[in-house]
Each structure stands twice: as structure tokens, then as C-alpha cells.
């Protein structure tokens, strides 16, 4: 086995999202709840100070995006002399 083959195997082990574990949507009423490894999730902030947010699947994220009572946070742009930072 050459070095380049070993590097390819090594890279693949670390690029696999969540180390091959199933992805779980944190929305209680999610219709699917458990997804294949590597499924994209979206982070939702909690409205309660000090409480952690949750990761949800794309379908649940779209639900919250269109829900009229969902609080939306704006994008904050911080300027420095060397970098621009975007916080969403």
C-alpha cells in the first residue's frame, strides 16, 4: 500500500459526517426523526436564555421558517481592520 492510498483512507475516515452514526432530528413531532449518516441538519437557537438550541432536519427547518410565530434573528456584521465576520 502506497502513502497516497493510506492518505485517501485516512481522509475518508474524517470526512464522514458524524462518524457514520445516524442523524437525529431534535423536533419532537418530526415525521421521520432518524436519518442516514451525513444528512444535513440546521441549528435553531432557543428562545429561552441559557437553554441550548437544537438540530433539525431540512423539512422541520422549513416548517419553522414559515411558522408565523418563529422569531427571526438578523445577520450581524462585525467589521475589524483585518476581517469581516458574519454572525447569523
Protein backbone atom coordinates (compact mmCIF):
# COMPACT_ATOMS: atom_id res chain seq x y z
CA UNK A 1 0.00 0.00 0.00
CA UNK A 2 1.48 3.35 -1.03
CA UNK A 3 1.37 6.54 1.04
CA UNK A 4 -1.22 8.09 -1.26
CA UNK A 5 -3.58 5.12 -0.68
CA UNK A 6 -3.19 5.48 3.08
CA UNK A 7 -3.92 9.19 2.90
CA UNK A 8 -7.11 8.57 0.94
CA UNK A 9 -8.36 6.10 3.56
CA UNK A 10 -7.35 8.45 6.38
CA UNK A 11 -9.13 11.41 4.77
CA UNK A 12 -12.30 9.42 4.16
CA UNK A 13 -12.49 8.43 7.84
CA UNK A 14 -12.55 12.07 8.91
CA UNK A 15 -14.79 13.47 6.19
CA UNK A 16 -17.62 11.04 7.01
CA UNK A 17 -20.15 13.24 8.85
CA UNK A 18 -20.92 12.12 12.41
CA UNK A 19 -18.56 9.13 12.06
CA UNK A 20 -21.21 7.02 10.29
CA UNK A 21 -23.84 7.42 13.01
CA UNK A 22 -27.47 8.09 12.18
CA UNK A 23 -28.58 11.72 12.29
CA UNK A 24 -31.47 12.51 14.64
CA UNK A 25 -33.83 15.47 14.25
CA UNK A 26 -34.48 17.13 17.62
CA UNK A 27 -38.01 18.28 16.75
CA UNK A 28 -40.40 16.15 18.82
CA UNK A 29 -43.03 15.94 16.08
CA UNK A 30 -40.66 15.16 13.20
CA UNK A 31 -42.28 12.61 10.90
CA UNK A 32 -39.04 10.74 10.14
CA UNK A 33 -36.83 11.53 13.20
CA UNK A 34 -33.80 9.33 12.24
CA UNK A 35 -31.85 9.93 9.02
CA UNK A 36 -28.92 8.40 7.20
CA UNK A 37 -25.41 9.46 8.22
CA UNK A 38 -24.36 12.68 6.51
CA UNK A 39 -27.87 14.13 6.28
CA UNK A 40 -27.76 17.93 6.52
CA UNK A 41 -29.15 19.45 9.72
CA UNK A 42 -29.88 23.03 10.73
CA UNK A 43 -29.31 24.63 14.12
CA UNK A 44 -32.17 26.55 15.74
CA UNK A 45 -31.43 28.84 18.67
CA UNK A 46 -33.59 28.55 21.77
CA UNK A 47 -35.83 31.47 22.75
CA UNK A 48 -35.01 30.83 26.39
CA UNK A 49 -31.74 32.34 27.67
CA UNK A 50 -29.32 29.69 28.89
CA UNK A 51 -31.09 26.87 27.07
CA UNK A 52 -29.32 25.05 24.24
CA UNK A 53 -30.74 25.14 20.73
CA UNK A 54 -31.45 22.07 18.67
CA UNK A 55 -30.56 20.45 15.36
CA UNK A 56 -33.43 19.78 12.98
CA UNK A 57 -33.79 18.18 9.55
CA UNK A 58 -34.44 20.21 6.40
CA UNK A 59 -38.21 19.54 6.46
CA UNK A 60 -38.55 20.72 10.07
CA UNK A 61 -36.31 23.72 9.37
CA UNK A 62 -38.63 24.74 6.52
CA UNK A 63 -41.58 24.32 8.88
CA UNK A 64 -40.03 26.74 11.38
CA UNK A 65 -39.02 29.19 8.63
CA UNK A 66 -42.66 29.54 7.54
CA UNK A 67 -44.19 29.39 11.02
CA UNK A 68 -45.52 32.88 11.81
CA UNK A 69 -44.53 32.79 15.50
CA UNK A 70 -40.90 31.89 14.84
CA UNK A 71 -38.58 34.69 15.91
CA UNK A 72 -36.07 35.57 13.24
CA UNK A 73 -32.62 36.85 14.04
CA UNK A 74 -30.91 39.23 11.68
CA UNK A 75 -27.42 38.87 10.35
CA UNK A 76 -24.88 40.80 12.37
CA UNK A 77 -21.83 42.06 10.53
CA UNK A 78 -18.77 42.89 12.62
CA UNK A 79 -16.01 44.86 10.96
CA UNK A 80 -12.41 44.87 12.01
CA UNK A 81 -9.34 46.23 10.30
CA UNK A 82 -8.36 42.75 9.09
CA UNK A 83 -11.52 40.64 8.75
CA UNK A 84 -15.26 40.78 8.27
CA UNK A 85 -17.28 38.46 10.50
CA UNK A 86 -20.82 37.38 9.80
CA UNK A 87 -22.95 36.01 12.62
CA UNK A 88 -26.34 34.57 11.79
